[in-house]
């Protein structure tokens, strides 16, 4: 897996280098590439600790598998490259044969909202959310060290310092912020979805209620259900391993948001 992780990292780096060296990469596209890099890093398991025994539901086991995480990271990088390419071809028009490139990367560019592919208050707010979420996520990685695993595994100790002094699952708080930013940057109704969705039905990009349905049914609900189920499994394990010490810790902390929830 170390080799695959290195390959994914190298792909992200080479993408930026190639675009920069050719002079076709503008500041917005560079920011998108960097955002994609941070998102895929949020899907990477930081610990090399191996967990062989399945102690969780099979769905969680598959999602947290090395194959599942590598797939998510590669898919993120592909989407990132498409976002940057569409911006360079449609908005800044700096790529050689921009019209042809746009035709290859976006079947129905007439439905795109230009504001979602250039600098705007929406873009700045999205990147701010992403950087904040990434900081929380990566800080949780560092504070747990080798105890941070994607699969359920007995930790060496109960960490209650740093971010864990305020919330029990800061890594999920950070991940949720990263996923919200990912949706806002890549999956808005008139964003990349408009490159292909009209081929199925124009109402997917023309009617507002579809946009809300995408957010609630296609994005928010599955992620929330995943987090609730996963956290339930983790806390049951922690209760079993640490008993009263865990109960006392729960009384003085919240799950995701300090002093709130």
C-alpha atoms as a PDB file:
ATOM      1  CA  UNK A   1       0.000   0.000   0.000  1.00  0.00           C
ATOM      2  CA  UNK A   2       2.933   2.343   0.614  1.00  0.00           C
ATOM      3  CA  UNK A   3       3.763   2.147  -3.095  1.00  0.00           C
ATOM      4  CA  UNK A   4       0.190   2.951  -4.110  1.00  0.00           C
ATOM      5  CA  UNK A   5       0.052   5.879  -1.684  1.00  0.00           C
ATOM      6  CA  UNK A   6       3.309   7.221  -3.084  1.00  0.00           C
ATOM      7  CA  UNK A   7       1.958   6.876  -6.643  1.00  0.00           C
ATOM      8  CA  UNK A   8      -1.167   8.847  -5.770  1.00  0.00           C
ATOM      9  CA  UNK A   9       0.927  11.567  -4.133  1.00  0.00           C
ATOM     10  CA  UNK A  10       3.205  11.661  -7.178  1.00  0.00           C
ATOM     11  CA  UNK A  11       0.216  11.971  -9.528  1.00  0.00           C
ATOM     12  CA  UNK A  12      -1.034  15.011  -7.615  1.00  0.00           C
ATOM     13  CA  UNK A  13       2.409  16.633  -7.670  1.00  0.00           C
ATOM     14  CA  UNK A  14       3.046  15.921 -11.359  1.00  0.00           C
ATOM     15  CA  UNK A  15      -0.337  17.379 -12.305  1.00  0.00           C
ATOM     16  CA  UNK A  16       0.590  20.724 -10.762  1.00  0.00           C
ATOM     17  CA  UNK A  17       4.150  20.666 -12.144  1.00  0.00           C
ATOM     18  CA  UNK A  18       3.047  19.937 -15.710  1.00  0.00           C
ATOM     19  CA  UNK A  19       0.433  22.678 -15.715  1.00  0.00           C
ATOM     20  CA  UNK A  20       2.808  25.189 -14.163  1.00  0.00           C
ATOM     21  CA  UNK A  21       5.703  24.385 -16.494  1.00  0.00           C
ATOM     22  CA  UNK A  22       3.535  24.791 -19.583  1.00  0.00           C
ATOM     23  CA  UNK A  23       2.321  28.179 -18.407  1.00  0.00           C
ATOM     24  CA  UNK A  24      -1.318  27.176 -18.563  1.00  0.00           C
ATOM     25  CA  UNK A  25      -2.017  27.051 -14.833  1.00  0.00           C
ATOM     26  CA  UNK A  26      -3.568  30.171 -13.314  1.00  0.00           C
ATOM     27  CA  UNK A  27      -3.991  30.923  -9.619  1.00  0.00           C
ATOM     28  CA  UNK A  28      -7.526  29.557  -9.441  1.00  0.00           C
ATOM     29  CA  UNK A  29      -6.576  26.275 -11.123  1.00  0.00           C
ATOM     30  CA  UNK A  30      -3.569  25.966  -8.813  1.00  0.00           C
ATOM     31  CA  UNK A  31      -5.847  26.499  -5.808  1.00  0.00           C
ATOM     32  CA  UNK A  32      -8.177  23.779  -7.123  1.00  0.00           C
ATOM     33  CA  UNK A  33      -5.273  21.346  -7.569  1.00  0.00           C
ATOM     34  CA  UNK A  34      -4.067  22.089  -4.053  1.00  0.00           C
ATOM     35  CA  UNK A  35      -7.597  21.649  -2.714  1.00  0.00           C
ATOM     36  CA  UNK A  36      -7.858  18.269  -4.413  1.00  0.00           C
ATOM     37  CA  UNK A  37      -4.509  17.297  -2.930  1.00  0.00           C
ATOM     38  CA  UNK A  38      -5.714  18.145   0.589  1.00  0.00           C
ATOM     39  CA  UNK A  39      -8.994  16.288   0.081  1.00  0.00           C
ATOM     40  CA  UNK A  40      -7.317  13.088  -1.068  1.00  0.00           C
ATOM     41  CA  UNK A  41      -4.853  13.382   1.834  1.00  0.00           C
ATOM     42  CA  UNK A  42      -7.862  13.414   4.154  1.00  0.00           C
ATOM     43  CA  UNK A  43      -8.792   9.973   2.810  1.00  0.00           C
ATOM     44  CA  UNK A  44      -5.337   8.519   3.424  1.00  0.00           C
ATOM     45  CA  UNK A  45      -4.748   6.439   6.526  1.00  0.00           C
ATOM     46  CA  UNK A  46      -1.748   8.003   8.280  1.00  0.00           C
ATOM     47  CA  UNK A  47      -0.812   4.968  10.360  1.00  0.00           C
ATOM     48  CA  UNK A  48       0.953   1.884   9.057  1.00  0.00           C
ATOM     49  CA  UNK A  49      -0.614  -0.218  11.807  1.00  0.00           C
ATOM     50  CA  UNK A  50      -2.183  -3.349  10.334  1.00  0.00           C
ATOM     51  CA  UNK A  51      -5.603  -4.540  11.483  1.00  0.00           C
ATOM     52  CA  UNK A  52      -6.421  -8.058  10.278  1.00  0.00           C
ATOM     53  CA  UNK A  53      -9.408  -9.045  12.397  1.00  0.00           C
ATOM     54  CA  UNK A  54     -12.818  -7.706  11.371  1.00  0.00           C
ATOM     55  CA  UNK A  55     -14.548  -6.179  14.394  1.00  0.00           C
ATOM     56  CA  UNK A  56     -17.069  -3.933  12.623  1.00  0.00           C
ATOM     57  CA  UNK A  57     -19.902  -4.209  10.117  1.00  0.00           C
ATOM     58  CA  UNK A  58     -18.891  -5.421   6.653  1.00  0.00           C
ATOM     59  CA  UNK A  59     -19.911  -2.081   5.087  1.00  0.00           C
ATOM     60  CA  UNK A  60     -17.555  -0.152   7.340  1.00  0.00           C
ATOM     61  CA  UNK A  61     -14.892  -2.782   6.734  1.00  0.00           C
ATOM     62  CA  UNK A  62     -15.098  -2.352   2.968  1.00  0.00           C
ATOM     63  CA  UNK A  63     -15.204   1.441   3.040  1.00  0.00           C
ATOM     64  CA  UNK A  64     -12.156   1.544   5.298  1.00  0.00           C
ATOM     65  CA  UNK A  65     -10.259  -1.022   3.231  1.00  0.00           C
ATOM     66  CA  UNK A  66      -7.040   0.024   1.453  1.00  0.00           C
ATOM     67  CA  UNK A  67      -8.776  -0.516  -1.896  1.00  0.00           C
ATOM     68  CA  UNK A  68     -11.688   1.707  -0.865  1.00  0.00           C
ATOM     69  CA  UNK A  69      -9.484   4.570   0.302  1.00  0.00           C
ATOM     70  CA  UNK A  70      -7.209   4.402  -2.752  1.00  0.00           C
ATOM     71  CA  UNK A  71     -10.268   4.458  -5.030  1.00  0.00           C
ATOM     72  CA  UNK A  72     -11.582   7.551  -3.215  1.00  0.00           C
ATOM     73  CA  UNK A  73      -8.237   9.301  -3.531  1.00  0.00           C
ATOM     74  CA  UNK A  74      -7.788   8.563  -7.227  1.00  0.00           C
ATOM     75  CA  UNK A  75     -11.396   9.582  -7.975  1.00  0.00           C
ATOM     76  CA  UNK A  76     -10.790  12.855  -6.115  1.00  0.00           C
ATOM     77  CA  UNK A  77      -7.713  13.621  -8.190  1.00  0.00           C
ATOM     78  CA  UNK A  78      -9.564  12.879 -11.447  1.00  0.00           C
ATOM     79  CA  UNK A  79     -12.399  15.207 -10.448  1.00  0.00           C
ATOM     80  CA  UNK A  80      -9.859  17.847  -9.417  1.00  0.00           C
ATOM     81  CA  UNK A  81      -8.114  17.696 -12.787  1.00  0.00           C
ATOM     82  CA  UNK A  82     -11.460  18.018 -14.574  1.00  0.00           C
ATOM     83  CA  UNK A  83     -12.445  21.064 -12.494  1.00  0.00           C
ATOM     84  CA  UNK A  84      -9.136  22.792 -13.202  1.00  0.00           C
ATOM     85  CA  UNK A  85      -9.238  21.865 -16.903  1.00  0.00           C
ATOM     86  CA  UNK A  86     -12.790  23.121 -17.406  1.00  0.00           C
ATOM     87  CA  UNK A  87     -11.862  26.389 -15.708  1.00  0.00           C
ATOM     88  CA  UNK A  88      -8.782  26.861 -17.882  1.00  0.00           C
ATOM     89  CA  UNK A  89     -10.628  25.928 -21.085  1.00  0.00           C
ATOM     90  CA  UNK A  90     -13.944  27.742 -20.536  1.00  0.00           C
ATOM     91  CA  UNK A  91     -13.196  30.689 -18.240  1.00  0.00           C
ATOM     92  CA  UNK A  92      -9.586  31.753 -18.842  1.00  0.00           C
ATOM     93  CA  UNK A  93      -9.316  30.118 -22.293  1.00  0.00           C
ATOM     94  CA  UNK A  94      -5.576  29.621 -21.869  1.00  0.00           C
ATOM     95  CA  UNK A  95      -5.235  26.021 -23.005  1.00  0.00           C
ATOM     96  CA  UNK A  96      -4.215  25.167 -26.579  1.00  0.00           C
ATOM     97  CA  UNK A  97      -7.384  24.408 -28.538  1.00  0.00           C
ATOM     98  CA  UNK A  98      -9.483  25.262 -25.492  1.00  0.00           C
ATOM     99  CA  UNK A  99     -12.762  24.553 -27.287  1.00  0.00           C
ATOM    100  CA  UNK A 100     -11.649  21.045 -28.198  1.00  0.00           C
ATOM    101  CA  UNK A 101     -10.352  20.379 -24.685  1.00  0.00           C
ATOM    102  CA  UNK A 102     -13.623  21.615 -23.211  1.00  0.00           C
ATOM    103  CA  UNK A 103     -15.543  19.321 -25.545  1.00  0.00           C
ATOM    104  CA  UNK A 104     -13.572  16.305 -24.321  1.00  0.00           C
ATOM    105  CA  UNK A 105     -13.904  17.140 -20.625  1.00  0.00           C
ATOM    106  CA  UNK A 106     -17.436  18.539 -20.505  1.00  0.00           C
ATOM    107  CA  UNK A 107     -20.205  17.295 -22.791  1.00  0.00           C
ATOM    108  CA  UNK A 108     -22.658  20.128 -22.014  1.00  0.00           C
ATOM    109  CA  UNK A 109     -20.634  23.229 -20.999  1.00  0.00           C
ATOM    110  CA  UNK A 110     -23.540  25.569 -21.768  1.00  0.00           C
ATOM    111  CA  UNK A 111     -25.134  24.626 -18.443  1.00  0.00           C
ATOM    112  CA  UNK A 112     -22.113  25.582 -16.322  1.00  0.00           C
ATOM    113  CA  UNK A 113     -22.194  28.526 -13.939  1.00  0.00           C
ATOM    114  CA  UNK A 114     -18.946  30.474 -14.573  1.00  0.00           C
ATOM    115  CA  UNK A 115     -18.901  31.692 -10.964  1.00  0.00           C
ATOM    116  CA  UNK A 116     -18.266  28.111  -9.828  1.00  0.00           C
ATOM    117  CA  UNK A 117     -15.093  27.908 -11.922  1.00  0.00           C
ATOM    118  CA  UNK A 118     -13.313  31.105 -10.950  1.00  0.00           C
ATOM    119  CA  UNK A 119     -12.643  33.314  -7.948  1.00  0.00           C
ATOM    120  CA  UNK A 120     -15.749  34.393  -6.061  1.00  0.00           C
ATOM    121  CA  UNK A 121     -16.975  34.734  -2.491  1.00  0.00           C
ATOM    122  CA  UNK A 122     -18.265  31.161  -2.852  1.00  0.00           C
ATOM    123  CA  UNK A 123     -14.799  29.895  -3.827  1.00  0.00           C
ATOM    124  CA  UNK A 124     -13.070  31.737  -0.998  1.00  0.00           C
ATOM    125  CA  UNK A 125     -15.549  30.468   1.603  1.00  0.00           C
ATOM    126  CA  UNK A 126     -15.204  26.911   0.275  1.00  0.00           C
ATOM    127  CA  UNK A 127     -11.398  26.994   0.433  1.00  0.00           C
ATOM    128  CA  UNK A 128     -11.491  28.474   3.940  1.00  0.00           C
ATOM    129  CA  UNK A 129     -13.739  25.628   5.071  1.00  0.00           C
ATOM    130  CA  UNK A 130     -11.451  23.092   3.409  1.00  0.00           C
ATOM    131  CA  UNK A 131      -8.282  24.454   5.026  1.00  0.00           C
ATOM    132  CA  UNK A 132      -9.933  24.568   8.448  1.00  0.00           C
ATOM    133  CA  UNK A 133     -11.252  21.022   8.088  1.00  0.00           C
ATOM    134  CA  UNK A 134      -7.894  19.757   6.829  1.00  0.00           C
ATOM    135  CA  UNK A 135      -6.102  21.331   9.783  1.00  0.00           C
ATOM    136  CA  UNK A 136      -8.445  19.634  12.268  1.00  0.00           C
ATOM    137  CA  UNK A 137      -8.246  16.311  10.414  1.00  0.00           C
ATOM    138  CA  UNK A 138      -4.452  16.280  10.177  1.00  0.00           C
ATOM    139  CA  UNK A 139      -4.078  17.455  13.786  1.00  0.00           C
ATOM    140  CA  UNK A 140      -6.160  14.465  14.883  1.00  0.00           C
ATOM    141  CA  UNK A 141      -3.870  12.238  12.813  1.00  0.00           C
ATOM    142  CA  UNK A 142      -0.828  13.594  14.653  1.00  0.00           C
ATOM    143  CA  UNK A 143      -2.331  13.423  18.132  1.00  0.00           C
ATOM    144  CA  UNK A 144      -3.386   9.778  17.821  1.00  0.00           C
ATOM    145  CA  UNK A 145      -0.257   8.675  15.976  1.00  0.00           C
ATOM    146  CA  UNK A 146      -0.188   4.927  15.319  1.00  0.00           C
ATOM    147  CA  UNK A 147      -3.525   4.571  17.129  1.00  0.00           C
ATOM    148  CA  UNK A 148      -5.266   6.282  14.203  1.00  0.00           C
ATOM    149  CA  UNK A 149      -6.599   3.461  12.050  1.00  0.00           C
ATOM    150  CA  UNK A 150      -9.493   3.357   9.597  1.00  0.00           C
ATOM    151  CA  UNK A 151     -10.537  -0.038  10.907  1.00  0.00           C
ATOM    152  CA  UNK A 152     -11.580  -0.688  14.468  1.00  0.00           C
ATOM    153  CA  UNK A 153      -8.565  -1.583  16.580  1.00  0.00           C
ATOM    154  CA  UNK A 154      -7.819  -1.424  20.291  1.00  0.00           C
ATOM    155  CA  UNK A 155      -5.776   1.725  20.984  1.00  0.00           C
ATOM    156  CA  UNK A 156      -2.692   1.660  23.179  1.00  0.00           C
ATOM    157  CA  UNK A 157      -4.110   4.407  25.375  1.00  0.00           C
ATOM    158  CA  UNK A 158      -7.027   6.803  25.751  1.00  0.00           C
ATOM    159  CA  UNK A 159      -5.922  10.157  24.318  1.00  0.00           C
ATOM    160  CA  UNK A 160      -7.613  13.083  26.075  1.00  0.00           C
ATOM    161  CA  UNK A 161      -5.294  15.978  25.241  1.00  0.00           C
ATOM    162  CA  UNK A 162      -5.140  18.480  22.394  1.00  0.00           C
ATOM    163  CA  UNK A 163      -8.297  18.468  20.275  1.00  0.00           C
ATOM    164  CA  UNK A 164      -9.436  15.376  22.161  1.00  0.00           C
ATOM    165  CA  UNK A 165      -9.792  17.453  25.303  1.00  0.00           C
ATOM    166  CA  UNK A 166     -12.848  19.083  23.712  1.00  0.00           C
ATOM    167  CA  UNK A 167     -14.368  16.513  21.366  1.00  0.00           C
ATOM    168  CA  UNK A 168     -14.146  12.743  21.157  1.00  0.00           C
ATOM    169  CA  UNK A 169     -14.008  12.519  17.366  1.00  0.00           C
ATOM    170  CA  UNK A 170     -12.201  15.590  15.957  1.00  0.00           C
ATOM    171  CA  UNK A 171     -11.060  13.634  12.919  1.00  0.00           C
ATOM    172  CA  UNK A 172     -14.697  13.230  11.866  1.00  0.00           C
ATOM    173  CA  UNK A 173     -15.341  16.914  12.500  1.00  0.00           C
ATOM    174  CA  UNK A 174     -12.488  17.746  10.166  1.00  0.00           C
ATOM    175  CA  UNK A 175     -13.562  15.139   7.625  1.00  0.00           C
ATOM    176  CA  UNK A 176     -17.121  16.461   7.551  1.00  0.00           C
ATOM    177  CA  UNK A 177     -15.812  19.973   6.862  1.00  0.00           C
ATOM    178  CA  UNK A 178     -13.574  18.607   4.096  1.00  0.00           C
ATOM    179  CA  UNK A 179     -16.472  16.706   2.506  1.00  0.00           C
ATOM    180  CA  UNK A 180     -18.723  19.776   2.675  1.00  0.00           C
ATOM    181  CA  UNK A 181     -16.003  21.782   0.933  1.00  0.00           C
ATOM    182  CA  UNK A 182     -15.583  19.003  -1.625  1.00  0.00           C
ATOM    183  CA  UNK A 183     -19.290  19.134  -2.417  1.00  0.00           C
ATOM    184  CA  UNK A 184     -19.271  22.925  -2.619  1.00  0.00           C
ATOM    185  CA  UNK A 185     -16.251  22.990  -4.913  1.00  0.00           C
ATOM    186  CA  UNK A 186     -17.029  20.091  -7.242  1.00  0.00           C
ATOM    187  CA  UNK A 187     -20.628  18.910  -6.965  1.00  0.00           C
ATOM    188  CA  UNK A 188     -22.858  21.971  -7.089  1.00  0.00           C
ATOM    189  CA  UNK A 189     -25.839  21.699  -9.446  1.00  0.00           C
ATOM    190  CA  UNK A 190     -24.321  24.026 -12.049  1.00  0.00           C
ATOM    191  CA  UNK A 191     -20.775  22.800 -11.407  1.00  0.00           C
ATOM    192  CA  UNK A 192     -19.154  19.684 -12.835  1.00  0.00           C
ATOM    193  CA  UNK A 193     -22.454  17.800 -12.609  1.00  0.00           C
ATOM    194  CA  UNK A 194     -23.697  19.998 -15.437  1.00  0.00           C
ATOM    195  CA  UNK A 195     -21.067  18.516 -17.725  1.00  0.00           C
ATOM    196  CA  UNK A 196     -22.901  15.197 -17.888  1.00  0.00           C
ATOM    197  CA  UNK A 197     -26.206  15.329 -16.008  1.00  0.00           C
ATOM    198  CA  UNK A 198     -28.165  16.996 -18.873  1.00  0.00           C
ATOM    199  CA  UNK A 199     -27.403  13.958 -21.034  1.00  0.00           C
ATOM    200  CA  UNK A 200     -29.674  12.048 -18.667  1.00  0.00           C
ATOM    201  CA  UNK A 201     -32.321  14.717 -18.050  1.00  0.00           C
ATOM    202  CA  UNK A 202     -32.114  18.511 -18.322  1.00  0.00           C
ATOM    203  CA  UNK A 203     -34.193  18.883 -15.169  1.00  0.00           C
ATOM    204  CA  UNK A 204     -31.168  17.697 -13.176  1.00  0.00           C
ATOM    205  CA  UNK A 205     -29.530  21.079 -13.784  1.00  0.00           C
ATOM    206  CA  UNK A 206     -32.514  23.329 -14.485  1.00  0.00           C
ATOM    207  CA  UNK A 207     -34.808  22.727 -11.521  1.00  0.00           C
ATOM    208  CA  UNK A 208     -33.755  24.009  -8.105  1.00  0.00           C
ATOM    209  CA  UNK A 209     -35.401  21.208  -6.147  1.00  0.00           C
ATOM    210  CA  UNK A 210     -33.016  18.734  -7.783  1.00  0.00           C
ATOM    211  CA  UNK A 211     -30.076  20.660  -6.393  1.00  0.00           C
ATOM    212  CA  UNK A 212     -31.507  20.440  -2.887  1.00  0.00           C
ATOM    213  CA  UNK A 213     -32.224  16.736  -3.359  1.00  0.00           C
ATOM    214  CA  UNK A 214     -28.610  16.140  -4.369  1.00  0.00           C
ATOM    215  CA  UNK A 215     -27.423  17.818  -1.194  1.00  0.00           C
ATOM    216  CA  UNK A 216     -29.807  16.015   1.146  1.00  0.00           C
ATOM    217  CA  UNK A 217     -30.257  12.571  -0.410  1.00  0.00           C
ATOM    218  CA  UNK A 218     -27.081  12.119  -2.386  1.00  0.00           C
ATOM    219  CA  UNK A 219     -24.602  13.750  -0.033  1.00  0.00           C
ATOM    220  CA  UNK A 220     -25.612  14.789   3.475  1.00  0.00           C
ATOM    221  CA  UNK A 221     -27.791  11.837   4.474  1.00  0.00           C
ATOM    222  CA  UNK A 222     -25.377   9.037   3.474  1.00  0.00           C
ATOM    223  CA  UNK A 223     -22.436  10.774   5.131  1.00  0.00           C
ATOM    224  CA  UNK A 224     -24.369  11.438   8.323  1.00  0.00           C
ATOM    225  CA  UNK A 225     -25.617   7.858   8.508  1.00  0.00           C
ATOM    226  CA  UNK A 226     -22.086   6.589   7.920  1.00  0.00           C
ATOM    227  CA  UNK A 227     -20.660   8.780  10.670  1.00  0.00           C
ATOM    228  CA  UNK A 228     -23.391   7.886  13.174  1.00  0.00           C
ATOM    229  CA  UNK A 229     -22.938   4.169  12.526  1.00  0.00           C
ATOM    230  CA  UNK A 230     -19.164   4.335  12.583  1.00  0.00           C
ATOM    231  CA  UNK A 231     -18.994   6.447  15.734  1.00  0.00           C
ATOM    232  CA  UNK A 232     -21.426   4.081  17.443  1.00  0.00           C
ATOM    233  CA  UNK A 233     -19.134   1.148  16.700  1.00  0.00           C
ATOM    234  CA  UNK A 234     -16.058   3.050  17.860  1.00  0.00           C
ATOM    235  CA  UNK A 235     -17.607   4.215  21.118  1.00  0.00           C
ATOM    236  CA  UNK A 236     -18.871   0.723  21.914  1.00  0.00           C
ATOM    237  CA  UNK A 237     -15.322  -0.549  21.513  1.00  0.00           C
ATOM    238  CA  UNK A 238     -13.884   2.251  23.659  1.00  0.00           C
ATOM    239  CA  UNK A 239     -16.475   1.573  26.377  1.00  0.00           C
ATOM    240  CA  UNK A 240     -15.465  -2.067  26.378  1.00  0.00           C
ATOM    241  CA  UNK A 241     -11.745  -1.312  26.521  1.00  0.00           C
ATOM    242  CA  UNK A 242     -11.633   1.598  28.993  1.00  0.00           C
ATOM    243  CA  UNK A 243     -14.863   1.264  30.991  1.00  0.00           C
ATOM    244  CA  UNK A 244     -15.323   3.922  33.664  1.00  0.00           C
ATOM    245  CA  UNK A 245     -12.410   5.970  32.393  1.00  0.00           C
ATOM    246  CA  UNK A 246     -14.211   6.291  29.045  1.00  0.00           C
ATOM    247  CA  UNK A 247     -17.510   7.167  30.721  1.00  0.00           C
ATOM    248  CA  UNK A 248     -15.881   9.993  32.685  1.00  0.00           C
ATOM    249  CA  UNK A 249     -14.230  11.262  29.527  1.00  0.00           C
ATOM    250  CA  UNK A 250     -17.604  11.277  27.719  1.00  0.00           C
ATOM    251  CA  UNK A 251     -19.182  13.380  30.485  1.00  0.00           C
ATOM    252  CA  UNK A 252     -16.766  16.257  29.942  1.00  0.00           C
ATOM    253  CA  UNK A 253     -16.580  16.204  26.131  1.00  0.00           C
ATOM    254  CA  UNK A 254     -18.843  16.375  23.098  1.00  0.00           C
ATOM    255  CA  UNK A 255     -18.735  14.116  20.059  1.00  0.00           C
ATOM    256  CA  UNK A 256     -18.015  16.517  17.204  1.00  0.00           C
ATOM    257  CA  UNK A 257     -18.502  20.188  18.113  1.00  0.00           C
ATOM    258  CA  UNK A 258     -17.025  21.601  21.364  1.00  0.00           C
ATOM    259  CA  UNK A 259     -19.701  22.537  23.945  1.00  0.00           C
ATOM    260  CA  UNK A 260     -22.482  21.850  21.385  1.00  0.00           C
ATOM    261  CA  UNK A 261     -22.749  18.236  20.185  1.00  0.00           C
END
